């Protein structure tokens, strides 16, 4: 596999910003409703929030 480093184009940056804004808005909405979210920490999914089900190991 060859990895190259190029600067993303303007359209890619606009798309990235829109996706980041949408995710941030959704996470804030879930937080206000008291819902938990699932995120990645140390390569594993983690449930975060007061109503999150207990982790099963």
N, C-alpha and C. Protein backbone atom coordinates (compact mmCIF):
# COMPACT_ATOMS: atom_id res chain seq x y z
N UNK A 1 0.84 -1.17 0.00
CA UNK A 1 0.00 0.00 0.00
C UNK A 1 0.89 1.23 0.00
N UNK A 2 0.55 2.17 -0.87
CA UNK A 2 1.29 3.41 -0.95
C UNK A 2 0.44 4.53 -0.37
N UNK A 3 1.00 5.27 0.56
CA UNK A 3 0.29 6.40 1.16
C UNK A 3 0.92 7.68 0.64
N UNK A 4 0.09 8.53 0.08
CA UNK A 4 0.57 9.81 -0.40
C UNK A 4 -0.11 10.92 0.39
N UNK A 5 0.53 12.04 0.46
CA UNK A 5 -0.02 13.18 1.19
C UNK A 5 -0.29 14.30 0.20
N UNK A 6 -1.58 14.61 0.03
CA UNK A 6 -1.95 15.71 -0.84
C UNK A 6 -2.91 16.62 -0.07
N UNK A 7 -2.95 17.86 -0.47
CA UNK A 7 -3.86 18.80 0.17
C UNK A 7 -5.26 18.61 -0.42
N UNK A 8 -6.29 18.45 0.43
CA UNK A 8 -7.63 18.28 -0.08
C UNK A 8 -8.10 19.53 -0.82
N UNK A 9 -8.93 19.34 -1.82
CA UNK A 9 -9.46 20.45 -2.59
C UNK A 9 -10.51 21.23 -1.81
N UNK A 10 -10.92 22.35 -2.37
CA UNK A 10 -11.90 23.21 -1.71
C UNK A 10 -13.22 22.47 -1.46
N UNK A 11 -13.70 21.71 -2.44
CA UNK A 11 -14.96 20.99 -2.29
C UNK A 11 -14.86 19.95 -1.18
N UNK A 12 -13.72 19.27 -1.07
CA UNK A 12 -13.53 18.28 -0.02
C UNK A 12 -13.55 18.94 1.35
N UNK A 13 -12.93 20.10 1.47
CA UNK A 13 -12.92 20.81 2.75
C UNK A 13 -14.31 21.30 3.14
N UNK A 14 -15.08 21.76 2.15
CA UNK A 14 -16.46 22.20 2.41
C UNK A 14 -17.30 21.02 2.88
N UNK A 15 -17.13 19.88 2.22
CA UNK A 15 -17.87 18.66 2.59
C UNK A 15 -17.49 18.22 3.99
N UNK A 16 -16.20 18.21 4.30
CA UNK A 16 -15.72 17.82 5.63
C UNK A 16 -16.32 18.73 6.70
N UNK A 17 -16.32 20.02 6.48
CA UNK A 17 -16.88 20.98 7.45
C UNK A 17 -18.37 20.73 7.66
N UNK A 18 -19.11 20.46 6.57
CA UNK A 18 -20.54 20.19 6.68
C UNK A 18 -20.79 18.93 7.51
N UNK A 19 -20.00 17.89 7.28
CA UNK A 19 -20.15 16.64 8.04
C UNK A 19 -19.81 16.85 9.52
N UNK A 20 -18.74 17.59 9.80
CA UNK A 20 -18.37 17.86 11.18
C UNK A 20 -19.45 18.66 11.90
N UNK A 21 -20.02 19.65 11.22
CA UNK A 21 -21.10 20.45 11.81
C UNK A 21 -22.32 19.60 12.09
N UNK A 22 -22.68 18.71 11.15
CA UNK A 22 -23.85 17.86 11.32
C UNK A 22 -23.67 16.91 12.51
N UNK A 23 -22.50 16.32 12.64
CA UNK A 23 -22.24 15.40 13.75
C UNK A 23 -22.25 16.15 15.07
N UNK A 24 -21.62 17.32 15.13
CA UNK A 24 -21.60 18.11 16.36
C UNK A 24 -23.02 18.49 16.78
N UNK A 25 -23.82 18.91 15.82
CA UNK A 25 -25.21 19.30 16.11
C UNK A 25 -26.00 18.10 16.64
N UNK A 26 -25.82 16.94 16.02
CA UNK A 26 -26.54 15.75 16.45
C UNK A 26 -26.11 15.30 17.84
N UNK A 27 -24.81 15.35 18.13
CA UNK A 27 -24.32 14.97 19.46
C UNK A 27 -24.87 15.92 20.53
N UNK A 28 -24.90 17.21 20.23
CA UNK A 28 -25.44 18.19 21.18
C UNK A 28 -26.93 17.93 21.41
N UNK A 29 -27.66 17.61 20.35
CA UNK A 29 -29.09 17.31 20.46
C UNK A 29 -29.32 16.10 21.35
N UNK A 30 -28.54 15.03 21.14
CA UNK A 30 -28.67 13.83 21.95
C UNK A 30 -28.34 14.13 23.42
N UNK A 31 -27.35 14.97 23.64
CA UNK A 31 -26.97 15.33 25.01
C UNK A 31 -28.11 16.08 25.71
N UNK A 32 -28.74 17.00 24.99
CA UNK A 32 -29.86 17.76 25.57
C UNK A 32 -31.04 16.86 25.89
N UNK A 33 -31.24 15.82 25.07
CA UNK A 33 -32.33 14.87 25.31
C UNK A 33 -31.99 13.85 26.39
N UNK A 34 -30.72 13.79 26.78
CA UNK A 34 -30.29 12.83 27.79
C UNK A 34 -29.99 11.46 27.23
N UNK A 35 -29.76 11.37 25.93
CA UNK A 35 -29.45 10.09 25.30
C UNK A 35 -27.95 9.83 25.34
N UNK A 36 -27.59 8.57 25.37
CA UNK A 36 -26.18 8.22 25.33
C UNK A 36 -25.70 8.17 23.88
N UNK A 37 -24.39 8.23 23.70
CA UNK A 37 -23.79 8.11 22.38
C UNK A 37 -22.72 7.02 22.42
N UNK A 38 -22.40 6.50 21.27
CA UNK A 38 -21.33 5.50 21.15
C UNK A 38 -20.19 6.15 20.39
N UNK A 39 -19.01 6.16 21.00
CA UNK A 39 -17.83 6.72 20.37
C UNK A 39 -16.71 5.68 20.41
N UNK A 40 -15.60 6.01 19.79
CA UNK A 40 -14.43 5.13 19.80
C UNK A 40 -13.38 5.68 20.77
N UNK A 41 -12.86 4.80 21.62
CA UNK A 41 -11.75 5.15 22.51
C UNK A 41 -10.81 3.95 22.54
N UNK A 42 -9.55 4.20 22.27
CA UNK A 42 -8.53 3.14 22.27
C UNK A 42 -8.91 1.99 21.35
N UNK A 43 -9.49 2.31 20.21
CA UNK A 43 -9.82 1.30 19.22
C UNK A 43 -11.04 0.45 19.52
N UNK A 44 -11.84 0.85 20.52
CA UNK A 44 -13.03 0.09 20.88
C UNK A 44 -14.22 1.04 21.02
N UNK A 45 -15.44 0.54 20.70
CA UNK A 45 -16.62 1.37 20.90
C UNK A 45 -16.92 1.52 22.39
N UNK A 46 -17.30 2.74 22.79
CA UNK A 46 -17.59 3.03 24.19
C UNK A 46 -18.91 3.80 24.26
N UNK A 47 -19.79 3.39 25.15
CA UNK A 47 -21.06 4.10 25.35
C UNK A 47 -20.84 5.18 26.39
N UNK A 48 -21.28 6.41 26.07
CA UNK A 48 -21.08 7.56 26.95
C UNK A 48 -22.42 8.23 27.21
N UNK A 49 -22.72 8.47 28.48
CA UNK A 49 -23.95 9.15 28.85
C UNK A 49 -24.56 8.50 30.08
N UNK A 50 -25.43 9.27 30.75
CA UNK A 50 -26.03 8.79 31.99
C UNK A 50 -26.90 7.55 31.78
N UNK A 51 -27.56 7.44 30.64
CA UNK A 51 -28.46 6.32 30.39
C UNK A 51 -27.82 5.20 29.60
N UNK A 52 -26.50 5.24 29.45
CA UNK A 52 -25.80 4.23 28.65
C UNK A 52 -25.88 2.86 29.31
N UNK A 53 -26.16 1.82 28.51
CA UNK A 53 -26.13 0.46 29.06
C UNK A 53 -24.73 0.13 29.56
N UNK A 54 -24.65 -0.73 30.53
CA UNK A 54 -23.33 -1.11 31.07
C UNK A 54 -22.53 -1.82 30.02
N UNK A 55 -21.21 -1.60 30.07
CA UNK A 55 -20.29 -2.24 29.13
C UNK A 55 -20.19 -3.73 29.47
N UNK A 56 -20.18 -4.55 28.42
CA UNK A 56 -20.00 -5.99 28.59
C UNK A 56 -18.62 -6.33 28.08
N UNK A 57 -17.79 -6.91 28.92
CA UNK A 57 -16.42 -7.25 28.51
C UNK A 57 -16.29 -8.69 28.18
